[in-house]
C-alpha atoms as a PDB file:
ATOM      1  CA  MET A   1     -32.580  13.970  -4.225  1.00  0.00           C
ATOM      2  CA  ASN A   2     -29.742  16.086  -6.018  1.00  0.00           C
ATOM      3  CA  ASN A   3     -30.589  18.656  -2.375  1.00  0.00           C
ATOM      4  CA  LEU A   4     -30.201  15.901  -0.437  1.00  0.00           C
ATOM      5  CA  LYS A   5     -26.757  14.685  -2.089  1.00  0.00           C
ATOM      6  CA  LYS A   6     -25.184  18.427  -2.015  1.00  0.00           C
ATOM      7  CA  GLN A   7     -26.199  18.840   1.898  1.00  0.00           C
ATOM      8  CA  TRP A   8     -24.500  15.464   2.213  1.00  0.00           C
ATOM      9  CA  ARG A   9     -21.218  16.389   0.762  1.00  0.00           C
ATOM     10  CA  ARG A  10     -21.183  19.540   2.490  1.00  0.00           C
ATOM     11  CA  LEU A  11     -21.410  18.052   5.829  1.00  0.00           C
ATOM     12  CA  GLU A  12     -18.610  15.513   4.704  1.00  0.00           C
ATOM     13  CA  VAL A  13     -16.416  18.429   3.422  1.00  0.00           C
ATOM     14  CA  ARG A  14     -17.123  20.033   6.911  1.00  0.00           C
ATOM     15  CA  LEU A  15     -16.260  16.587   8.725  1.00  0.00           C
ATOM     16  CA  GLN A  16     -13.237  16.338   6.460  1.00  0.00           C
ATOM     17  CA  LYS A  17     -11.669  19.700   7.333  1.00  0.00           C
ATOM     18  CA  SER A  18     -12.817  19.369  11.311  1.00  0.00           C
ATOM     19  CA  HIS A  19      -9.197  18.642  13.537  1.00  0.00           C
ATOM     20  CA  ARG A  20     -11.185  17.089  15.863  1.00  0.00           C
ATOM     21  CA  VAL A  21     -13.086  14.609  13.815  1.00  0.00           C
ATOM     22  CA  GLN A  22     -10.123  13.639  11.725  1.00  0.00           C
ATOM     23  CA  GLY A  23      -7.890  13.123  15.258  1.00  0.00           C
ATOM     24  CA  ALA A  24     -10.448  10.875  16.614  1.00  0.00           C
ATOM     25  CA  LEU A  25     -11.074   9.073  13.017  1.00  0.00           C
ATOM     26  CA  ARG A  26      -7.401   8.998  13.203  1.00  0.00           C
ATOM     27  CA  SER A  27      -7.052   7.435  16.860  1.00  0.00           C
ATOM     28  CA  LEU A  28      -9.941   4.802  16.200  1.00  0.00           C
ATOM     29  CA  PHE A  29      -8.412   3.332  13.005  1.00  0.00           C
ATOM     30  CA  SER A  30      -5.098   3.224  14.651  1.00  0.00           C
ATOM     31  CA  ALA A  31      -6.705   1.185  17.629  1.00  0.00           C
ATOM     32  CA  TYR A  32      -8.757  -1.033  15.536  1.00  0.00           C
ATOM     33  CA  VAL A  33      -6.026  -2.159  13.421  1.00  0.00           C
ATOM     34  CA  ASN A  34      -3.798  -2.985  15.750  1.00  0.00           C
ATOM     35  CA  PHE A  35      -6.080  -4.876  17.760  1.00  0.00           C
ATOM     36  CA  VAL A  36      -7.579  -6.459  14.913  1.00  0.00           C
ATOM     37  CA  PHE A  37      -3.359  -7.304  14.415  1.00  0.00           C
ATOM     38  CA  ARG A  38      -2.788  -8.738  17.711  1.00  0.00           C
ATOM     39  CA  THR A  39      -5.986 -11.059  17.926  1.00  0.00           C
ATOM     40  CA  THR A  40      -4.905 -12.708  14.182  1.00  0.00           C
ATOM     41  CA  ARG A  41      -2.815 -15.404  13.731  1.00  0.00           C
ATOM     42  CA  TRP A  42      -0.446 -15.115  11.387  1.00  0.00           C
ATOM     43  CA  GLN A  43       2.051 -16.902   8.764  1.00  0.00           C
ATOM     44  CA  LYS A  44       4.468 -15.735   6.962  1.00  0.00           C
ATOM     45  CA  LEU A  45       4.088 -16.449   2.762  1.00  0.00           C
ATOM     46  CA  GLY A  46       8.156 -15.334   0.488  1.00  0.00           C
ATOM     47  CA  PHE A  47       9.987 -13.602   2.650  1.00  0.00           C
ATOM     48  CA  GLU A  48      13.438 -15.477   2.211  1.00  0.00           C
ATOM     49  CA  SER A  49      14.739 -13.479  -0.718  1.00  0.00           C
ATOM     50  CA  TYR A  50      13.495 -10.203   0.136  1.00  0.00           C
ATOM     51  CA  GLU A  51      14.545 -10.691   3.931  1.00  0.00           C
ATOM     52  CA  ALA A  52      18.217 -11.611   2.285  1.00  0.00           C
ATOM     53  CA  ASP A  53      17.769  -8.464  -0.010  1.00  0.00           C
ATOM     54  CA  ILE A  54      17.763  -6.472   3.574  1.00  0.00           C
ATOM     55  CA  ALA A  55      20.750  -8.355   4.758  1.00  0.00           C
ATOM     56  CA  ARG A  56      22.752  -7.172   1.702  1.00  0.00           C
ATOM     57  CA  GLY A  57      21.356  -3.687   1.831  1.00  0.00           C
ATOM     58  CA  VAL A  58      19.105  -3.458  -0.925  1.00  0.00           C
ATOM     59  CA  PRO A  59      15.545  -2.071  -1.077  1.00  0.00           C
ATOM     60  CA  ARG A  60      12.360  -2.521  -2.552  1.00  0.00           C
ATOM     61  CA  VAL A  61       9.480  -1.015  -3.932  1.00  0.00           C
ATOM     62  CA  LEU A  62       6.490  -2.974  -2.498  1.00  0.00           C
ATOM     63  CA  CYS A  63       3.880  -2.637  -4.534  1.00  0.00           C
ATOM     64  CA  CYS A  64       0.116  -3.696  -3.592  1.00  0.00           C
ATOM     65  CA  TRP A  65      -3.488  -3.310  -4.075  1.00  0.00           C
ATOM     66  CA  HIS A  66      -4.760  -0.267  -2.594  1.00  0.00           C
ATOM     67  CA  SER A  67      -7.836  -2.454  -1.127  1.00  0.00           C
ATOM     68  CA  ARG A  68      -5.419  -4.471   1.095  1.00  0.00           C
ATOM     69  CA  LEU A  69      -3.423  -1.661   2.216  1.00  0.00           C
ATOM     70  CA  VAL A  70      -4.040  -1.869   5.759  1.00  0.00           C
ATOM     71  CA  PHE A  71      -1.405  -4.263   6.931  1.00  0.00           C
ATOM     72  CA  THR A  72       1.057  -3.241   4.657  1.00  0.00           C
ATOM     73  CA  PRO A  73       3.248  -1.876   7.871  1.00  0.00           C
ATOM     74  CA  TYR A  74       2.998  -4.918   9.640  1.00  0.00           C
ATOM     75  CA  LEU A  75       4.953  -6.851   6.465  1.00  0.00           C
ATOM     76  CA  ARG A  76       8.052  -6.717   9.073  1.00  0.00           C
ATOM     77  CA  ASP A  77       9.377  -5.395  11.932  1.00  0.00           C
ATOM     78  CA  TRP A  78      10.871  -1.746  10.223  1.00  0.00           C
ATOM     79  CA  SER A  79      13.206  -0.637  13.132  1.00  0.00           C
ATOM     80  CA  ASP A  80      16.514  -2.623  11.365  1.00  0.00           C
ATOM     81  CA  HIS A  81      15.320  -1.295   7.515  1.00  0.00           C
ATOM     82  CA  PRO A  82      13.266   1.535   7.352  1.00  0.00           C
ATOM     83  CA  LEU A  83      10.454   1.853   5.110  1.00  0.00           C
ATOM     84  CA  THR A  84       8.813   4.603   3.400  1.00  0.00           C
ATOM     85  CA  VAL A  85       5.637   4.807   2.076  1.00  0.00           C
ATOM     86  CA  MET A  86       3.587   7.264  -0.525  1.00  0.00           C
ATOM     87  CA  ALA A  87       0.252   8.066   0.198  1.00  0.00           C
ATOM     88  CA  SER A  88      -2.735  10.661  -1.067  1.00  0.00           C
ATOM     89  CA  GLY A  89      -2.800  14.282   0.792  1.00  0.00           C
ATOM     90  CA  HIS A  90      -6.380  13.623   1.174  1.00  0.00           C
ATOM     91  CA  ALA A  91      -8.200  13.562   4.151  1.00  0.00           C
ATOM     92  CA  ASP A  92      -9.997  10.288   4.150  1.00  0.00           C
ATOM     93  CA  ALA A  93      -6.015   8.600   3.385  1.00  0.00           C
ATOM     94  CA  GLN A  94      -4.560  10.815   5.761  1.00  0.00           C
ATOM     95  CA  ILE A  95      -6.499   8.476   8.467  1.00  0.00           C
ATOM     96  CA  ALA A  96      -4.401   5.607   7.507  1.00  0.00           C
ATOM     97  CA  SER A  97      -1.368   7.800   6.814  1.00  0.00           C
ATOM     98  CA  GLU A  98      -1.659   8.553  10.687  1.00  0.00           C
ATOM     99  CA  ASN A  99      -1.116   4.926  11.816  1.00  0.00           C
ATOM    100  CA  LEU A 100       1.773   4.454   9.637  1.00  0.00           C
ATOM    101  CA  ARG A 101       3.265   7.356  11.196  1.00  0.00           C
ATOM    102  CA  GLN A 102       3.011   5.543  14.521  1.00  0.00           C
ATOM    103  CA  ARG A 103       4.800   2.482  13.434  1.00  0.00           C
ATOM    104  CA  GLY A 104       7.584   4.767  12.790  1.00  0.00           C
ATOM    105  CA  VAL A 105       6.693   4.547   8.786  1.00  0.00           C
ATOM    106  CA  GLU A 106       7.865   7.715   6.808  1.00  0.00           C
ATOM    107  CA  VAL A 107       4.968   8.800   4.331  1.00  0.00           C
ATOM    108  CA  ILE A 108       5.532  10.980   1.200  1.00  0.00           C
ATOM    109  CA  GLU A 109       2.383  12.648   0.597  1.00  0.00           C
ATOM    110  CA  LEU A 110       1.046  12.833  -3.088  1.00  0.00           C
ATOM    111  CA  ALA A 111      -1.597  15.847  -4.086  1.00  0.00           C
ATOM    112  CA  THR A 112      -4.926  13.988  -5.596  1.00  0.00           C
ATOM    113  CA  SER A 113      -3.926  15.836  -8.615  1.00  0.00           C
ATOM    114  CA  GLY A 114      -1.457  17.905 -10.649  1.00  0.00           C
ATOM    115  CA  ASP A 115       2.318  17.200 -10.519  1.00  0.00           C
ATOM    116  CA  ASN A 116       3.557  14.226  -7.972  1.00  0.00           C
ATOM    117  CA  THR A 117       7.692  15.404  -9.983  1.00  0.00           C
ATOM    118  CA  GLY A 118       8.398  16.517  -6.363  1.00  0.00           C
ATOM    119  CA  ALA A 119       7.278  13.017  -4.972  1.00  0.00           C
ATOM    120  CA  ILE A 120       8.760  11.021  -6.830  1.00  0.00           C
ATOM    121  CA  LYS A 121      12.276  12.767  -6.938  1.00  0.00           C
ATOM    122  CA  GLN A 122      11.737  12.029  -3.176  1.00  0.00           C
ATOM    123  CA  ALA A 123      10.498   7.985  -3.134  1.00  0.00           C
ATOM    124  CA  VAL A 124      13.805   7.738  -5.686  1.00  0.00           C
ATOM    125  CA  LYS A 125      15.967   9.495  -2.931  1.00  0.00           C
ATOM    126  CA  CYS A 126      14.547   7.638  -0.356  1.00  0.00           C
ATOM    127  CA  LEU A 127      15.600   4.050  -2.331  1.00  0.00           C
ATOM    128  CA  ARG A 128      18.910   5.409  -2.330  1.00  0.00           C
ATOM    129  CA  LYS A 129      19.496   6.157   0.862  1.00  0.00           C
ATOM    130  CA  GLY A 130      18.522   1.974   1.167  1.00  0.00           C
ATOM    131  CA  ARG A 131      15.026   2.603   2.360  1.00  0.00           C
ATOM    132  CA  SER A 132      11.764   0.018   0.901  1.00  0.00           C
ATOM    133  CA  LEU A 133       9.144   2.219  -0.525  1.00  0.00           C
ATOM    134  CA  GLY A 134       5.602   1.352  -0.271  1.00  0.00           C
ATOM    135  CA  ILE A 135       2.941   2.093  -3.236  1.00  0.00           C
ATOM    136  CA  THR A 136      -0.634   0.940  -3.832  1.00  0.00           C
ATOM    137  CA  VAL A 137      -0.418   0.722  -7.361  1.00  0.00           C
ATOM    138  CA  ASP A 138      -3.976   0.799  -8.517  1.00  0.00           C
ATOM    139  CA  GLY A 139      -4.984   3.908  -6.213  1.00  0.00           C
ATOM    140  CA  PRO A 140      -6.515   6.268  -5.264  1.00  0.00           C
ATOM    141  CA  PHE A 141      -9.151   5.900  -8.237  1.00  0.00           C
ATOM    142  CA  GLY A 142      -8.502   2.710 -10.094  1.00  0.00           C
ATOM    143  CA  PRO A 143      -9.168   1.036 -12.665  1.00  0.00           C
ATOM    144  CA  PRO A 144      -9.103  -1.548  -9.300  1.00  0.00           C
ATOM    145  CA  GLU A 145      -6.347  -4.183  -9.687  1.00  0.00           C
ATOM    146  CA  GLU A 146      -4.580  -2.989 -12.712  1.00  0.00           C
ATOM    147  CA  ALA A 147      -0.921  -1.615 -12.152  1.00  0.00           C
ATOM    148  CA  LYS A 148      -0.484   2.081 -12.955  1.00  0.00           C
ATOM    149  CA  PRO A 149       3.354   3.178 -14.338  1.00  0.00           C
ATOM    150  CA  GLY A 150       4.120   5.016 -10.661  1.00  0.00           C
ATOM    151  CA  ALA A 151       5.677   2.558  -9.301  1.00  0.00           C
ATOM    152  CA  LEU A 152       7.481   1.215 -12.422  1.00  0.00           C
ATOM    153  CA  VAL A 153       8.873   4.565 -12.953  1.00  0.00           C
ATOM    154  CA  ILE A 154      10.484   5.105  -9.325  1.00  0.00           C
ATOM    155  CA  ALA A 155      11.728   1.142  -9.484  1.00  0.00           C
ATOM    156  CA  GLY A 156      13.710   2.149 -12.418  1.00  0.00           C
ATOM    157  CA  LEU A 157      15.043   4.974 -11.868  1.00  0.00           C
ATOM    158  CA  ALA A 158      16.499   3.750  -8.211  1.00  0.00           C
ATOM    159  CA  GLY A 159      17.789   0.241 -10.025  1.00  0.00           C
ATOM    160  CA  VAL A 160      15.443  -1.646  -7.848  1.00  0.00           C
ATOM    161  CA  GLN A 161      13.080  -4.280  -7.916  1.00  0.00           C
ATOM    162  CA  ALA A 162       9.266  -3.343  -8.192  1.00  0.00           C
ATOM    163  CA  ALA A 163       7.865  -6.420  -5.976  1.00  0.00           C
ATOM    164  CA  PRO A 164       4.774  -7.474  -5.183  1.00  0.00           C
ATOM    165  CA  CYS A 165       3.478  -7.634  -1.627  1.00  0.00           C
ATOM    166  CA  THR A 166      -0.843  -8.573  -0.269  1.00  0.00           C
ATOM    167  CA  TYR A 167      -2.297 -10.194   2.714  1.00  0.00           C
ATOM    168  CA  GLU A 168      -5.221 -12.414   3.252  1.00  0.00           C
ATOM    169  CA  VAL A 169      -7.371 -13.411   6.038  1.00  0.00           C
ATOM    170  CA  THR A 170     -10.244 -15.666   6.746  1.00  0.00           C
ATOM    171  CA  ARG A 171     -12.446 -13.183   8.506  1.00  0.00           C
ATOM    172  CA  LYS A 172     -13.227  -9.730   6.942  1.00  0.00           C
ATOM    173  CA  ILE A 173     -15.338  -7.524   4.611  1.00  0.00           C
ATOM    174  CA  ARG A 174     -15.651  -5.924   1.707  1.00  0.00           C
ATOM    175  CA  LEU A 175     -17.171  -2.045   1.347  1.00  0.00           C
ATOM    176  CA  GLY A 176     -18.811  -0.785  -1.674  1.00  0.00           C
ATOM    177  CA  THR A 177     -16.086   1.376  -2.202  1.00  0.00           C
ATOM    178  CA  TRP A 178     -14.515   1.470  -5.988  1.00  0.00           C
ATOM    179  CA  ASP A 179     -11.902  -0.884  -5.436  1.00  0.00           C
ATOM    180  CA  ARG A 180     -13.917  -2.681  -2.394  1.00  0.00           C
ATOM    181  CA  PHE A 181     -11.831  -2.467   0.171  1.00  0.00           C
ATOM    182  CA  ILE A 182     -11.299  -4.687   2.395  1.00  0.00           C
ATOM    183  CA  VAL A 183     -11.809  -4.580   5.923  1.00  0.00           C
ATOM    184  CA  PRO A 184     -10.233  -7.097   8.210  1.00  0.00           C
ATOM    185  CA  LEU A 185     -11.775  -8.655  11.296  1.00  0.00           C
ATOM    186  CA  PRO A 186     -10.286  -9.842  14.748  1.00  0.00           C
ATOM    187  CA  PHE A 187      -9.580 -13.173  15.642  1.00  0.00           C
ATOM    188  CA  GLY A 188      -8.618 -15.122  12.058  1.00  0.00           C
ATOM    189  CA  ARG A 189      -6.386 -16.542  10.185  1.00  0.00           C
ATOM    190  CA  GLY A 190      -3.873 -14.100   8.447  1.00  0.00           C
ATOM    191  CA  VAL A 191      -0.864 -14.855   5.635  1.00  0.00           C
ATOM    192  CA  LEU A 192       1.139 -11.618   5.347  1.00  0.00           C
ATOM    193  CA  ALA A 193       2.947 -12.547   1.778  1.00  0.00           C
ATOM    194  CA  VAL A 194       5.621 -10.797  -0.099  1.00  0.00           C
ATOM    195  CA  GLY A 195       7.093 -12.158  -3.978  1.00  0.00           C
ATOM    196  CA  ASP A 196      10.135 -11.502  -6.024  1.00  0.00           C
ATOM    197  CA  GLY A 197       9.870  -8.737  -8.650  1.00  0.00           C
ATOM    198  CA  PHE A 198      11.934  -7.304 -11.274  1.00  0.00           C
ATOM    199  CA  THR A 199      13.839  -4.023 -11.429  1.00  0.00           C
ATOM    200  CA  PRO A 200      12.396  -2.014 -14.800  1.00  0.00           C
ATOM    201  CA  PRO A 201      14.882  -0.130 -17.217  1.00  0.00           C
ATOM    202  CA  LYS A 202      15.466   3.520 -16.499  1.00  0.00           C
ATOM    203  CA  ARG A 203      13.864   4.713 -19.823  1.00  0.00           C
ATOM    204  CA  MET A 204      10.908   2.791 -21.619  1.00  0.00           C
ATOM    205  CA  SER A 205       8.654   2.795 -24.756  1.00  0.00           C
ATOM    206  CA  GLU A 206       4.695   2.778 -24.424  1.00  0.00           C
ATOM    207  CA  GLU A 207       4.794  -0.962 -25.411  1.00  0.00           C
ATOM    208  CA  GLU A 208       7.548  -1.445 -23.006  1.00  0.00           C
ATOM    209  CA  MET A 209       5.501   0.240 -19.870  1.00  0.00           C
ATOM    210  CA  ALA A 210       2.431  -1.363 -20.913  1.00  0.00           C
ATOM    211  CA  ASP A 211       4.317  -4.559 -20.589  1.00  0.00           C
ATOM    212  CA  ALA A 212       5.581  -3.870 -17.523  1.00  0.00           C
ATOM    213  CA  GLN A 213       2.457  -3.349 -15.928  1.00  0.00           C
ATOM    214  CA  ALA A 214       1.008  -6.478 -17.183  1.00  0.00           C
ATOM    215  CA  ARG A 215       3.956  -8.381 -15.345  1.00  0.00           C
ATOM    216  CA  LEU A 216       3.134  -6.321 -12.106  1.00  0.00           C
ATOM    217  CA  THR A 217       0.075  -7.019 -12.284  1.00  0.00           C
ATOM    218  CA  GLY A 218       0.343 -10.744 -13.363  1.00  0.00           C
ATOM    219  CA  LEU A 219       2.625 -11.168 -10.337  1.00  0.00           C
ATOM    220  CA  LEU A 220      -0.127  -9.150  -7.712  1.00  0.00           C
ATOM    221  CA  GLN A 221      -2.092 -11.882  -8.940  1.00  0.00           C
ATOM    222  CA  ASP A 222      -0.339 -14.810  -8.457  1.00  0.00           C
ATOM    223  CA  LEU A 223       0.679 -13.854  -5.115  1.00  0.00           C
ATOM    224  CA  GLY A 224      -2.590 -13.193  -4.080  1.00  0.00           C
ATOM    225  CA  VAL A 225      -3.947 -16.870  -4.990  1.00  0.00           C
ATOM    226  CA  ARG A 226      -0.597 -18.366  -2.927  1.00  0.00           C
ATOM    227  CA  ALA A 227      -1.615 -16.397   0.118  1.00  0.00           C
ATOM    228  CA  GLU A 228      -5.339 -17.962  -0.369  1.00  0.00           C
ATOM    229  CA  GLU A 229      -4.000 -21.326  -0.898  1.00  0.00           C
ATOM    230  CA  ARG A 230      -1.330 -20.882   2.298  1.00  0.00           C
ATOM    231  CA  LEU A 231      -4.611 -19.649   3.992  1.00  0.00           C
ATOM    232  CA  LYS A 232      -6.787 -23.213   3.385  1.00  0.00           C
ATOM    233  CA  GLY A 233      -3.861 -25.131   3.597  1.00  0.00           C
END
């Protein structure tokens, strides 16, 4: 069994390093997600406040769960208000990142290990230029649906809201991954949702950070419930 696992891991690494395989996977992913989006009947929830901020030139840090990252770039048309997303530089994550780039979304790559100070500075600079920023706040390794400090640190430094966003669909499957990643299916109904958040202080004690993480987690959970209820209504 151990030999089989080792052989599988070697194959996985080879596939991740293959430009041809990765290119094919990125194309397939983008084609599938675009197809699902076009064949889903969408409603929007909670966009009034966010659109008012955009009209005033005020960006937000848009926070979502890793399991629901697929439709972050589809929340709205970003031609009048550019979006930047922070994403892992890992080969698997780049499959989704390519779809972001095709939709005109800028991607800041994060190292899976080591120092991401440069990426954080780049993110703050984007927000100060008026670009909204998207982050999966429980990624890339979890625990699932527990907000980590990163988005709050960035929002505090830039002086903008850390705000929840999510989506819900009637037709989907969940994968057996750490986050139970959602794969939406075509020909269903869906809700794209954005909620109001809060602007964290630039500097926080450990206790204040823990409270802010709990608050953001609660906002994301509440928005998810509201999106489910809208879909059932």
